[in-house]
Amino acid sequence: MKNDGICDIQCINENSVRGVRSQMLQDETFQLISDNFKVLSDPTRVKILYALIQKEICVCDLAAVLDMTDSAVSHQLRLLRDKNLVKFRKEGKMAYYSISNPHIIEMIKMGSNHTEK
């Protein structure tokens, strides 16, 4: 059996190890990154974010766009809010949602571009 992609001998380059270790992030930062990707692992949440990239929209209109119930959309929005990916503002009895972090726009665009190639 071939071990493609695995070193044939065990030889650690201390300079490489030291150099890469000095560039590593804190474990807490890796956890936060992982948590954000977990939130993005659900297609419904990605659809919500994509819709919000297009424009600020109220919950009921967002539910109509996605052909979902208001409560189902609200549940997903709460998860996105918890990760500071979306924000809302109240206008009378309406709650309007928008992207709170411009980096998420780039992530969604990169994901879309990556799948098209």
PDB file of N, CA and C in Angstrom:
ATOM      1  N   MET A   1       0.850  -1.188   0.000  1.00  0.00           N
ATOM      2  CA  MET A   1       0.000   0.000   0.000  1.00  0.00           C
ATOM      3  C   MET A   1       0.888   1.241   0.000  1.00  0.00           C
ATOM      4  N   LYS A   2       0.582   2.151  -0.873  1.00  0.00           N
ATOM      5  CA  LYS A   2       1.356   3.371  -1.007  1.00  0.00           C
ATOM      6  C   LYS A   2       0.913   4.417   0.019  1.00  0.00           C
ATOM      7  N   ASN A   3       1.859   5.155   0.563  1.00  0.00           N
ATOM      8  CA  ASN A   3       1.552   6.228   1.521  1.00  0.00           C
ATOM      9  C   ASN A   3       1.750   7.572   0.849  1.00  0.00           C
ATOM     10  N   ASP A   4       0.938   7.848  -0.154  1.00  0.00           N
ATOM     11  CA  ASP A   4       1.037   9.140  -0.827  1.00  0.00           C
ATOM     12  C   ASP A   4       0.712  10.260   0.139  1.00  0.00           C
ATOM     13  N   GLY A   5       1.508  11.311   0.073  1.00  0.00           N
ATOM     14  CA  GLY A   5       1.272  12.467   0.912  1.00  0.00           C
ATOM     15  C   GLY A   5       1.821  12.346   2.317  1.00  0.00           C
ATOM     16  N   ILE A   6       2.563  11.276   2.590  1.00  0.00           N
ATOM     17  CA  ILE A   6       3.150  11.069   3.919  1.00  0.00           C
ATOM     18  C   ILE A   6       4.657  10.952   3.750  1.00  0.00           C
ATOM     19  N   CYS A   7       5.415  11.591   4.638  1.00  0.00           N
ATOM     20  CA  CYS A   7       6.870  11.492   4.582  1.00  0.00           C
ATOM     21  C   CYS A   7       7.292  10.024   4.718  1.00  0.00           C
ATOM     22  N   ASP A   8       8.292   9.628   3.945  1.00  0.00           N
ATOM     23  CA  ASP A   8       8.808   8.260   4.023  1.00  0.00           C
ATOM     24  C   ASP A   8       9.745   8.064   5.209  1.00  0.00           C
ATOM     25  N   ILE A   9      10.260   9.174   5.739  1.00  0.00           N
ATOM     26  CA  ILE A   9      11.122   9.093   6.931  1.00  0.00           C
ATOM     27  C   ILE A   9      10.654  10.147   7.932  1.00  0.00           C
ATOM     28  N   GLN A  10      10.996   9.949   9.178  1.00  0.00           N
ATOM     29  CA  GLN A  10      10.666  10.910  10.229  1.00  0.00           C
ATOM     30  C   GLN A  10      11.875  11.803  10.446  1.00  0.00           C
ATOM     31  N   CYS A  11      11.804  13.036   9.965  1.00  0.00           N
ATOM     32  CA  CYS A  11      12.912  13.983  10.094  1.00  0.00           C
ATOM     33  C   CYS A  11      12.320  15.355  10.324  1.00  0.00           C
ATOM     34  N   ILE A  12      12.425  15.853  11.530  1.00  0.00           N
ATOM     35  CA  ILE A  12      11.816  17.136  11.883  1.00  0.00           C
ATOM     36  C   ILE A  12      12.824  18.252  11.666  1.00  0.00           C
ATOM     37  N   ASN A  13      12.398  19.262  10.901  1.00  0.00           N
ATOM     38  CA  ASN A  13      13.218  20.444  10.661  1.00  0.00           C
ATOM     39  C   ASN A  13      12.866  21.467  11.742  1.00  0.00           C
ATOM     40  N   GLU A  14      13.735  21.581  12.723  1.00  0.00           N
ATOM     41  CA  GLU A  14      13.465  22.448  13.886  1.00  0.00           C
ATOM     42  C   GLU A  14      13.191  23.893  13.474  1.00  0.00           C
ATOM     43  N   ASN A  15      13.909  24.399  12.464  1.00  0.00           N
ATOM     44  CA  ASN A  15      13.690  25.780  12.024  1.00  0.00           C
ATOM     45  C   ASN A  15      12.289  25.955  11.438  1.00  0.00           C
ATOM     46  N   SER A  16      11.843  24.983  10.662  1.00  0.00           N
ATOM     47  CA  SER A  16      10.490  25.046  10.102  1.00  0.00           C
ATOM     48  C   SER A  16       9.452  24.997  11.207  1.00  0.00           C
ATOM     49  N   VAL A  17       9.639  24.077  12.148  1.00  0.00           N
ATOM     50  CA  VAL A  17       8.687  23.938  13.254  1.00  0.00           C
ATOM     51  C   VAL A  17       8.633  25.222  14.069  1.00  0.00           C
ATOM     52  N   ARG A  18       9.775  25.759  14.415  1.00  0.00           N
ATOM     53  CA  ARG A  18       9.840  26.989  15.217  1.00  0.00           C
ATOM     54  C   ARG A  18       9.197  28.157  14.457  1.00  0.00           C
ATOM     55  N   GLY A  19       9.481  28.261  13.163  1.00  0.00           N
ATOM     56  CA  GLY A  19       8.934  29.356  12.357  1.00  0.00           C
ATOM     57  C   GLY A  19       7.419  29.304  12.261  1.00  0.00           C
ATOM     58  N   VAL A  20       6.887  28.110  12.009  1.00  0.00           N
ATOM     59  CA  VAL A  20       5.429  27.974  11.892  1.00  0.00           C
ATOM     60  C   VAL A  20       4.766  28.164  13.251  1.00  0.00           C
ATOM     61  N   ARG A  21       5.346  27.588  14.286  1.00  0.00           N
ATOM     62  CA  ARG A  21       4.772  27.759  15.639  1.00  0.00           C
ATOM     63  C   ARG A  21       4.675  29.222  16.024  1.00  0.00           C
ATOM     64  N   SER A  22       5.665  30.015  15.634  1.00  0.00           N
ATOM     65  CA  SER A  22       5.653  31.438  16.002  1.00  0.00           C
ATOM     66  C   SER A  22       4.529  32.197  15.299  1.00  0.00           C
ATOM     67  N   GLN A  23       3.995  31.625  14.231  1.00  0.00           N
ATOM     68  CA  GLN A  23       2.915  32.270  13.476  1.00  0.00           C
ATOM     69  C   GLN A  23       1.523  31.752  13.853  1.00  0.00           C
ATOM     70  N   MET A  24       1.451  30.732  14.684  1.00  0.00           N
ATOM     71  CA  MET A  24       0.162  30.137  15.036  1.00  0.00           C
ATOM     72  C   MET A  24      -0.649  31.089  15.913  1.00  0.00           C
ATOM     73  N   LEU A  25      -1.960  30.999  15.758  1.00  0.00           N
ATOM     74  CA  LEU A  25      -2.886  31.805  16.554  1.00  0.00           C
ATOM     75  C   LEU A  25      -3.138  31.119  17.894  1.00  0.00           C
ATOM     76  N   GLN A  26      -3.796  31.830  18.786  1.00  0.00           N
ATOM     77  CA  GLN A  26      -4.183  31.260  20.074  1.00  0.00           C
ATOM     78  C   GLN A  26      -5.289  30.227  19.854  1.00  0.00           C
ATOM     79  N   ASP A  27      -5.356  29.234  20.731  1.00  0.00           N
ATOM     80  CA  ASP A  27      -6.386  28.197  20.622  1.00  0.00           C
ATOM     81  C   ASP A  27      -7.791  28.787  20.632  1.00  0.00           C
ATOM     82  N   GLU A  28      -8.000  29.846  21.412  1.00  0.00           N
ATOM     83  CA  GLU A  28      -9.317  30.478  21.485  1.00  0.00           C
ATOM     84  C   GLU A  28      -9.705  31.066  20.128  1.00  0.00           C
ATOM     85  N   THR A  29      -8.730  31.617  19.416  1.00  0.00           N
ATOM     86  CA  THR A  29      -8.993  32.183  18.096  1.00  0.00           C
ATOM     87  C   THR A  29      -9.372  31.085  17.116  1.00  0.00           C
ATOM     88  N   PHE A  30      -8.658  29.953  17.161  1.00  0.00           N
ATOM     89  CA  PHE A  30      -9.015  28.832  16.292  1.00  0.00           C
ATOM     90  C   PHE A  30     -10.426  28.332  16.597  1.00  0.00           C
ATOM     91  N   GLN A  31     -10.815  28.344  17.869  1.00  0.00           N
ATOM     92  CA  GLN A  31     -12.164  27.910  18.239  1.00  0.00           C
ATOM     93  C   GLN A  31     -13.208  28.845  17.664  1.00  0.00           C
ATOM     94  N   LEU A  32     -12.958  30.159  17.740  1.00  0.00           N
ATOM     95  CA  LEU A  32     -13.904  31.134  17.190  1.00  0.00           C
ATOM     96  C   LEU A  32     -14.034  30.987  15.674  1.00  0.00           C
ATOM     97  N   ILE A  33     -12.928  30.767  14.995  1.00  0.00           N
ATOM     98  CA  ILE A  33     -12.953  30.553  13.549  1.00  0.00           C
ATOM     99  C   ILE A  33     -13.779  29.308  13.234  1.00  0.00           C
ATOM    100  N   SER A  34     -13.522  28.247  13.960  1.00  0.00           N
ATOM    101  CA  SER A  34     -14.250  26.999  13.755  1.00  0.00           C
ATOM    102  C   SER A  34     -15.741  27.184  14.003  1.00  0.00           C
ATOM    103  N   ASP A  35     -16.091  27.908  15.057  1.00  0.00           N
ATOM    104  CA  ASP A  35     -17.497  28.161  15.366  1.00  0.00           C
ATOM    105  C   ASP A  35     -18.189  28.922  14.234  1.00  0.00           C
ATOM    106  N   ASN A  36     -17.487  29.902  13.657  1.00  0.00           N
ATOM    107  CA  ASN A  36     -18.068  30.650  12.540  1.00  0.00           C
ATOM    108  C   ASN A  36     -18.291  29.745  11.333  1.00  0.00           C
ATOM    109  N   PHE A  37     -17.342  28.866  11.066  1.00  0.00           N
ATOM    110  CA  PHE A  37     -17.526  27.953   9.938  1.00  0.00           C
ATOM    111  C   PHE A  37     -18.660  26.961  10.214  1.00  0.00           C
ATOM    112  N   LYS A  38     -18.832  26.575  11.463  1.00  0.00           N
ATOM    113  CA  LYS A  38     -19.955  25.693  11.800  1.00  0.00           C
ATOM    114  C   LYS A  38     -21.283  26.370  11.496  1.00  0.00           C
ATOM    115  N   VAL A  39     -21.381  27.647  11.828  1.00  0.00           N
ATOM    116  CA  VAL A  39     -22.604  28.397  11.549  1.00  0.00           C
ATOM    117  C   VAL A  39     -22.845  28.436  10.038  1.00  0.00           C
ATOM    118  N   LEU A  40     -21.769  28.553   9.269  1.00  0.00           N
ATOM    119  CA  LEU A  40     -21.895  28.627   7.818  1.00  0.00           C
ATOM    120  C   LEU A  40     -22.086  27.260   7.167  1.00  0.00           C
ATOM    121  N   SER A  41     -22.060  26.201   7.951  1.00  0.00           N
ATOM    122  CA  SER A  41     -22.201  24.864   7.378  1.00  0.00           C
ATOM    123  C   SER A  41     -23.649  24.510   7.049  1.00  0.00           C
ATOM    124  N   ASP A  42     -24.576  25.356   7.427  1.00  0.00           N
ATOM    125  CA  ASP A  42     -25.992  25.107   7.167  1.00  0.00           C
ATOM    126  C   ASP A  42     -26.427  25.890   5.928  1.00  0.00           C
ATOM    127  N   PRO A  43     -26.937  25.216   4.892  1.00  0.00           N
ATOM    128  CA  PRO A  43     -27.325  25.916   3.662  1.00  0.00           C
ATOM    129  C   PRO A  43     -28.377  27.003   3.870  1.00  0.00           C
ATOM    130  N   THR A  44     -29.284  26.811   4.802  1.00  0.00           N
ATOM    131  CA  THR A  44     -30.310  27.830   5.059  1.00  0.00           C
ATOM    132  C   THR A  44     -29.664  29.115   5.557  1.00  0.00           C
ATOM    133  N   ARG A  45     -28.710  28.999   6.462  1.00  0.00           N
ATOM    134  CA  ARG A  45     -28.049  30.202   6.971  1.00  0.00           C
ATOM    135  C   ARG A  45     -27.238  30.884   5.877  1.00  0.00           C
ATOM    136  N   VAL A  46     -26.635  30.111   5.005  1.00  0.00           N
ATOM    137  CA  VAL A  46     -25.887  30.707   3.889  1.00  0.00           C
ATOM    138  C   VAL A  46     -26.860  31.430   2.951  1.00  0.00           C
ATOM    139  N   LYS A  47     -28.025  30.852   2.715  1.00  0.00           N
ATOM    140  CA  LYS A  47     -29.046  31.516   1.889  1.00  0.00           C
ATOM    141  C   LYS A  47     -29.475  32.836   2.524  1.00  0.00           C
ATOM    142  N   ILE A  48     -29.676  32.811   3.829  1.00  0.00           N
ATOM    143  CA  ILE A  48     -30.063  34.036   4.539  1.00  0.00           C
ATOM    144  C   ILE A  48     -28.994  35.098   4.367  1.00  0.00           C
ATOM    145  N   LEU A  49     -27.757  34.721   4.578  1.00  0.00           N
ATOM    146  CA  LEU A  49     -26.660  35.683   4.430  1.00  0.00           C
ATOM    147  C   LEU A  49     -26.586  36.203   3.001  1.00  0.00           C
ATOM    148  N   TYR A  50     -26.753  35.320   2.044  1.00  0.00           N
ATOM    149  CA  TYR A  50     -26.712  35.746   0.639  1.00  0.00           C
ATOM    150  C   TYR A  50     -27.825  36.745   0.349  1.00  0.00           C
ATOM    151  N   ALA A  51     -29.006  36.470   0.857  1.00  0.00           N
ATOM    152  CA  ALA A  51     -30.128  37.401   0.667  1.00  0.00           C
ATOM    153  C   ALA A  51     -29.822  38.742   1.320  1.00  0.00           C
ATOM    154  N   LEU A  52     -29.224  38.714   2.498  1.00  0.00           N
ATOM    155  CA  LEU A  52     -28.927  39.964   3.211  1.00  0.00           C
ATOM    156  C   LEU A  52     -27.784  40.734   2.564  1.00  0.00           C
ATOM    157  N   ILE A  53     -26.953  40.050   1.804  1.00  0.00           N
ATOM    158  CA  ILE A  53     -25.924  40.760   1.040  1.00  0.00           C
ATOM    159  C   ILE A  53     -26.596  41.641  -0.017  1.00  0.00           C
ATOM    160  N   GLN A  54     -27.729  41.164  -0.538  1.00  0.00           N
ATOM    161  CA  GLN A  54     -28.438  41.902  -1.576  1.00  0.00           C
ATOM    162  C   GLN A  54     -29.046  43.191  -1.025  1.00  0.00           C
ATOM    163  N   LYS A  55     -29.632  43.100   0.175  1.00  0.00           N
ATOM    164  CA  LYS A  55     -30.238  44.291   0.793  1.00  0.00           C
ATOM    165  C   LYS A  55     -30.719  43.977   2.204  1.00  0.00           C
ATOM    166  N   GLU A  56     -30.890  45.014   2.995  1.00  0.00           N
ATOM    167  CA  GLU A  56     -31.525  44.892   4.301  1.00  0.00           C
ATOM    168  C   GLU A  56     -32.972  44.488   4.047  1.00  0.00           C
ATOM    169  N   ILE A  57     -33.467  43.563   4.868  1.00  0.00           N
ATOM    170  CA  ILE A  57     -34.808  43.044   4.621  1.00  0.00           C
ATOM    171  C   ILE A  57     -35.450  42.630   5.945  1.00  0.00           C
ATOM    172  N   CYS A  58     -36.760  42.735   6.020  1.00  0.00           N
ATOM    173  CA  CYS A  58     -37.459  42.344   7.247  1.00  0.00           C
ATOM    174  C   CYS A  58     -37.622  40.830   7.296  1.00  0.00           C
ATOM    175  N   VAL A  59     -37.904  40.328   8.478  1.00  0.00           N
ATOM    176  CA  VAL A  59     -38.010  38.885   8.688  1.00  0.00           C
ATOM    177  C   VAL A  59     -39.087  38.272   7.808  1.00  0.00           C
ATOM    178  N   CYS A  60     -40.259  38.904   7.734  1.00  0.00           N
ATOM    179  CA  CYS A  60     -41.342  38.303   6.950  1.00  0.00           C
ATOM    180  C   CYS A  60     -41.015  38.274   5.461  1.00  0.00           C
ATOM    181  N   ASP A  61     -40.340  39.307   4.947  1.00  0.00           N
ATOM    182  CA  ASP A  61     -39.932  39.294   3.541  1.00  0.00           C
ATOM    183  C   ASP A  61     -38.840  38.253   3.303  1.00  0.00           C
ATOM    184  N   LEU A  62     -37.940  38.126   4.241  1.00  0.00           N
ATOM    185  CA  LEU A  62     -36.883  37.120   4.133  1.00  0.00           C
ATOM    186  C   LEU A  62     -37.489  35.719   4.133  1.00  0.00           C
ATOM    187  N   ALA A  63     -38.490  35.508   4.972  1.00  0.00           N
ATOM    188  CA  ALA A  63     -39.181  34.216   5.007  1.00  0.00           C
ATOM    189  C   ALA A  63     -39.854  33.933   3.658  1.00  0.00           C
ATOM    190  N   ALA A  64     -40.425  34.967   3.047  1.00  0.00           N
ATOM    191  CA  ALA A  64     -41.063  34.799   1.738  1.00  0.00           C
ATOM    192  C   ALA A  64     -40.023  34.480   0.664  1.00  0.00           C
ATOM    193  N   VAL A  65     -38.880  35.144   0.707  1.00  0.00           N
ATOM    194  CA  VAL A  65     -37.803  34.883  -0.253  1.00  0.00           C
ATOM    195  C   VAL A  65     -37.370  33.424  -0.170  1.00  0.00           C
ATOM    196  N   LEU A  66     -37.240  32.915   1.050  1.00  0.00           N
ATOM    197  CA  LEU A  66     -36.721  31.566   1.263  1.00  0.00           C
ATOM    198  C   LEU A  66     -37.819  30.506   1.305  1.00  0.00           C
ATOM    199  N   ASP A  67     -39.067  30.936   1.203  1.00  0.00           N
ATOM    200  CA  ASP A  67     -40.218  30.025   1.287  1.00  0.00           C
ATOM    201  C   ASP A  67     -40.182  29.222   2.587  1.00  0.00           C
ATOM    202  N   MET A  68     -40.037  29.954   3.681  1.00  0.00           N
ATOM    203  CA  MET A  68     -39.970  29.368   5.025  1.00  0.00           C
ATOM    204  C   MET A  68     -40.924  30.131   5.929  1.00  0.00           C
ATOM    205  N   THR A  69     -41.146  29.593   7.115  1.00  0.00           N
ATOM    206  CA  THR A  69     -41.967  30.309   8.096  1.00  0.00           C
ATOM    207  C   THR A  69     -41.141  31.394   8.769  1.00  0.00           C
ATOM    208  N   ASP A  70     -41.836  32.393   9.276  1.00  0.00           N
ATOM    209  CA  ASP A  70     -41.152  33.467  10.009  1.00  0.00           C
ATOM    210  C   ASP A  70     -40.374  32.898  11.193  1.00  0.00           C
ATOM    211  N   SER A  71     -40.977  31.953  11.908  1.00  0.00           N
ATOM    212  CA  SER A  71     -40.309  31.416  13.101  1.00  0.00           C
ATOM    213  C   SER A  71     -39.050  30.630  12.722  1.00  0.00           C
ATOM    214  N   ALA A  72     -39.085  29.892  11.608  1.00  0.00           N
ATOM    215  CA  ALA A  72     -37.897  29.147  11.178  1.00  0.00           C
ATOM    216  C   ALA A  72     -36.775  30.105  10.795  1.00  0.00           C
ATOM    217  N   VAL A  73     -37.117  31.171  10.094  1.00  0.00           N
ATOM    218  CA  VAL A  73     -36.116  32.175   9.707  1.00  0.00           C
ATOM    219  C   VAL A  73     -35.583  32.884  10.946  1.00  0.00           C
ATOM    220  N   SER A  74     -36.472  33.232  11.871  1.00  0.00           N
ATOM    221  CA  SER A  74     -36.046  33.907  13.104  1.00  0.00           C
ATOM    222  C   SER A  74     -35.062  33.051  13.899  1.00  0.00           C
ATOM    223  N   HIS A  75     -35.315  31.763  13.941  1.00  0.00           N
ATOM    224  CA  HIS A  75     -34.407  30.850  14.646  1.00  0.00           C
ATOM    225  C   HIS A  75     -33.010  30.900  14.025  1.00  0.00           C
ATOM    226  N   GLN A  76     -32.947  30.838  12.710  1.00  0.00           N
ATOM    227  CA  GLN A  76     -31.646  30.879  12.023  1.00  0.00           C
ATOM    228  C   GLN A  76     -30.975  32.245  12.206  1.00  0.00           C
ATOM    229  N   LEU A  77     -31.762  33.296  12.169  1.00  0.00           N
ATOM    230  CA  LEU A  77     -31.210  34.637  12.360  1.00  0.00           C
ATOM    231  C   LEU A  77     -30.620  34.804  13.758  1.00  0.00           C
ATOM    232  N   ARG A  78     -31.259  34.186  14.741  1.00  0.00           N
ATOM    233  CA  ARG A  78     -30.732  34.270  16.104  1.00  0.00           C
ATOM    234  C   ARG A  78     -29.341  33.647  16.173  1.00  0.00           C
ATOM    235  N   LEU A  79     -29.159  32.511  15.504  1.00  0.00           N
ATOM    236  CA  LEU A  79     -27.844  31.865  15.481  1.00  0.00           C
ATOM    237  C   LEU A  79     -26.808  32.749  14.787  1.00  0.00           C
ATOM    238  N   LEU A  80     -27.211  33.397  13.719  1.00  0.00           N
ATOM    239  CA  LEU A  80     -26.305  34.297  13.006  1.00  0.00           C
ATOM    240  C   LEU A  80     -25.993  35.537  13.835  1.00  0.00           C
ATOM    241  N   ARG A  81     -26.985  36.033  14.565  1.00  0.00           N
ATOM    242  CA  ARG A  81     -26.777  37.188  15.462  1.00  0.00           C
ATOM    243  C   ARG A  81     -25.800  36.833  16.574  1.00  0.00           C
ATOM    244  N   ASP A  82     -25.928  35.620  17.117  1.00  0.00           N
ATOM    245  CA  ASP A  82     -25.046  35.189  18.206  1.00  0.00           C
ATOM    246  C   ASP A  82     -23.579  35.209  17.792  1.00  0.00           C
ATOM    247  N   LYS A  83     -23.320  35.043  16.501  1.00  0.00           N
ATOM    248  CA  LYS A  83     -21.945  35.066  15.978  1.00  0.00           C
ATOM    249  C   LYS A  83     -21.595  36.425  15.383  1.00  0.00           C
ATOM    250  N   ASN A  84     -22.455  37.412  15.612  1.00  0.00           N
ATOM    251  CA  ASN A  84     -22.250  38.778  15.116  1.00  0.00           C
ATOM    252  C   ASN A  84     -22.088  38.844  13.601  1.00  0.00           C
ATOM    253  N   LEU A  85     -22.799  37.973  12.898  1.00  0.00           N
ATOM    254  CA  LEU A  85     -22.751  37.991  11.441  1.00  0.00           C
ATOM    255  C   LEU A  85     -23.868  38.851  10.853  1.00  0.00           C
ATOM    256  N   VAL A  86     -24.951  38.982  11.609  1.00  0.00           N
ATOM    257  CA  VAL A  86     -26.051  39.848  11.183  1.00  0.00           C
ATOM    258  C   VAL A  86     -26.469  40.744  12.347  1.00  0.00           C
ATOM    259  N   LYS A  87     -27.137  41.821  12.000  1.00  0.00           N
ATOM    260  CA  LYS A  87     -27.678  42.736  13.009  1.00  0.00           C
ATOM    261  C   LYS A  87     -29.091  43.091  12.590  1.00  0.00           C
ATOM    262  N   PHE A  88     -29.850  43.630  13.520  1.00  0.00           N
ATOM    263  CA  PHE A  88     -31.202  44.057  13.173  1.00  0.00           C
ATOM    264  C   PHE A  88     -31.491  45.408  13.792  1.00  0.00           C
ATOM    265  N   ARG A  89     -32.483  46.026  13.204  1.00  0.00           N
ATOM    266  CA  ARG A  89     -33.000  47.283  13.738  1.00  0.00           C
ATOM    267  C   ARG A  89     -34.509  47.190  13.707  1.00  0.00           C
ATOM    268  N   LYS A  90     -35.129  47.789  14.691  1.00  0.00           N
ATOM    269  CA  LYS A  90     -36.596  47.804  14.752  1.00  0.00           C
ATOM    270  C   LYS A  90     -37.095  49.112  14.142  1.00  0.00           C
ATOM    271  N   GLU A  91     -38.118  48.977  13.361  1.00  0.00           N
ATOM    272  CA  GLU A  91     -38.817  50.142  12.827  1.00  0.00           C
ATOM    273  C   GLU A  91     -40.294  49.881  13.047  1.00  0.00           C
ATOM    274  N   GLY A  92     -40.813  50.486  14.117  1.00  0.00           N
ATOM    275  CA  GLY A  92     -42.184  50.180  14.525  1.00  0.00           C
ATOM    276  C   GLY A  92     -42.248  48.734  14.977  1.00  0.00           C
ATOM    277  N   LYS A  93     -43.110  47.957  14.352  1.00  0.00           N
ATOM    278  CA  LYS A  93     -43.243  46.547  14.706  1.00  0.00           C
ATOM    279  C   LYS A  93     -42.409  45.629  13.807  1.00  0.00           C
ATOM    280  N   MET A  94     -41.671  46.223  12.894  1.00  0.00           N
ATOM    281  CA  MET A  94     -40.885  45.447  11.934  1.00  0.00           C
ATOM    282  C   MET A  94     -39.431  45.334  12.401  1.00  0.00           C
ATOM    283  N   ALA A  95     -38.832  44.171  12.152  1.00  0.00           N
ATOM    284  CA  ALA A  95     -37.411  43.956  12.437  1.00  0.00           C
ATOM    285  C   ALA A  95     -36.698  43.756  11.106  1.00  0.00           C
ATOM    286  N   TYR A  96     -35.765  44.660  10.809  1.00  0.00           N
ATOM    287  CA  TYR A  96     -35.011  44.603   9.569  1.00  0.00           C
ATOM    288  C   TYR A  96     -33.599  44.090   9.845  1.00  0.00           C
ATOM    289  N   TYR A  97     -33.181  43.124   9.054  1.00  0.00           N
ATOM    290  CA  TYR A  97     -31.869  42.504   9.228  1.00  0.00           C
ATOM    291  C   TYR A  97     -30.918  42.927   8.127  1.00  0.00           C
ATOM    292  N   SER A  98     -29.639  42.972   8.498  1.00  0.00           N
ATOM    293  CA  SER A  98     -28.585  43.278   7.535  1.00  0.00           C
ATOM    294  C   SER A  98     -27.296  42.589   7.993  1.00  0.00           C
ATOM    295  N   ILE A  99     -26.339  42.567   7.115  1.00  0.00           N
ATOM    296  CA  ILE A  99     -25.026  41.999   7.420  1.00  0.00           C
ATOM    297  C   ILE A  99     -24.324  42.930   8.409  1.00  0.00           C
ATOM    298  N   SER A 100     -23.768  42.390   9.467  1.00  0.00           N
ATOM    299  CA  SER A 100     -23.099  43.240  10.454  1.00  0.00           C
ATOM    300  C   SER A 100     -21.588  43.269  10.267  1.00  0.00           C
ATOM    301  N   ASN A 101     -21.061  42.297   9.550  1.00  0.00           N
ATOM    302  CA  ASN A 101     -19.620  42.224   9.377  1.00  0.00           C
ATOM    303  C   ASN A 101     -19.322  42.102   7.888  1.00  0.00           C
ATOM    304  N   PRO A 102     -18.668  43.102   7.294  1.00  0.00           N
ATOM    305  CA  PRO A 102     -18.412  43.055   5.852  1.00  0.00           C
ATOM    306  C   PRO A 102     -17.541  41.866   5.429  1.00  0.00           C
ATOM    307  N   HIS A 103     -16.806  41.293   6.356  1.00  0.00           N
ATOM    308  CA  HIS A 103     -15.980  40.139   6.004  1.00  0.00           C
ATOM    309  C   HIS A 103     -16.825  38.949   5.567  1.00  0.00           C
ATOM    310  N   ILE A 104     -18.027  38.843   6.100  1.00  0.00           N
ATOM    311  CA  ILE A 104     -18.893  37.719   5.726  1.00  0.00           C
ATOM    312  C   ILE A 104     -19.272  37.815   4.254  1.00  0.00           C
ATOM    313  N   ILE A 105     -19.379  39.030   3.741  1.00  0.00           N
ATOM    314  CA  ILE A 105     -19.691  39.205   2.317  1.00  0.00           C
ATOM    315  C   ILE A 105     -18.580  38.586   1.482  1.00  0.00           C
ATOM    316  N   GLU A 106     -17.340  38.867   1.857  1.00  0.00           N
ATOM    317  CA  GLU A 106     -16.205  38.310   1.121  1.00  0.00           C
ATOM    318  C   GLU A 106     -16.166  36.792   1.234  1.00  0.00           C
ATOM    319  N   MET A 107     -16.482  36.264   2.414  1.00  0.00           N
ATOM    320  CA  MET A 107     -16.484  34.808   2.592  1.00  0.00           C
ATOM    321  C   MET A 107     -17.525  34.142   1.691  1.00  0.00           C
ATOM    322  N   ILE A 108     -18.723  34.721   1.626  1.00  0.00           N
ATOM    323  CA  ILE A 108     -19.782  34.156   0.795  1.00  0.00           C
ATOM    324  C   ILE A 108     -19.389  34.257  -0.685  1.00  0.00           C
ATOM    325  N   LYS A 109     -18.847  35.399  -1.079  1.00  0.00           N
ATOM    326  CA  LYS A 109     -18.412  35.563  -2.469  1.00  0.00           C
ATOM    327  C   LYS A 109     -17.302  34.575  -2.814  1.00  0.00           C
ATOM    328  N   MET A 110     -16.336  34.407  -1.913  1.00  0.00           N
ATOM    329  CA  MET A 110     -15.258  33.458  -2.173  1.00  0.00           C
ATOM    330  C   MET A 110     -15.805  32.043  -2.280  1.00  0.00           C
ATOM    331  N   GLY A 111     -16.731  31.683  -1.401  1.00  0.00           N
ATOM    332  CA  GLY A 111     -17.337  30.361  -1.460  1.00  0.00           C
ATOM    333  C   GLY A 111     -18.070  30.149  -2.769  1.00  0.00           C
ATOM    334  N   SER A 112     -18.788  31.168  -3.219  1.00  0.00           N
ATOM    335  CA  SER A 112     -19.519  31.086  -4.472  1.00  0.00           C
ATOM    336  C   SER A 112     -18.559  30.970  -5.656  1.00  0.00           C
ATOM    337  N   ASN A 113     -17.513  31.786  -5.659  1.00  0.00           N
ATOM    338  CA  ASN A 113     -16.521  31.722  -6.732  1.00  0.00           C
ATOM    339  C   ASN A 113     -15.819  30.376  -6.757  1.00  0.00           C
ATOM    340  N   HIS A 114     -15.541  29.836  -5.597  1.00  0.00           N
ATOM    341  CA  HIS A 114     -14.831  28.554  -5.515  1.00  0.00           C
ATOM    342  C   HIS A 114     -15.676  27.420  -6.102  1.00  0.00           C
ATOM    343  N   THR A 115     -16.968  27.456  -5.898  1.00  0.00           N
ATOM    344  CA  THR A 115     -17.827  26.386  -6.398  1.00  0.00           C
ATOM    345  C   THR A 115     -18.075  26.498  -7.890  1.00  0.00           C
ATOM    346  N   GLU A 116     -17.908  27.691  -8.446  1.00  0.00           N
ATOM    347  CA  GLU A 116     -18.145  27.895  -9.871  1.00  0.00           C
ATOM    348  C   GLU A 116     -16.969  27.450 -10.729  1.00  0.00           C
ATOM    349  N   LYS A 117     -15.825  27.227 -10.148  1.00  0.00           N
ATOM    350  CA  LYS A 117     -14.627  26.890 -10.936  1.00  0.00           C
ATOM    351  C   LYS A 117     -14.417  25.432 -11.073  1.00  0.00           C
TER     352      LYS A 117
END
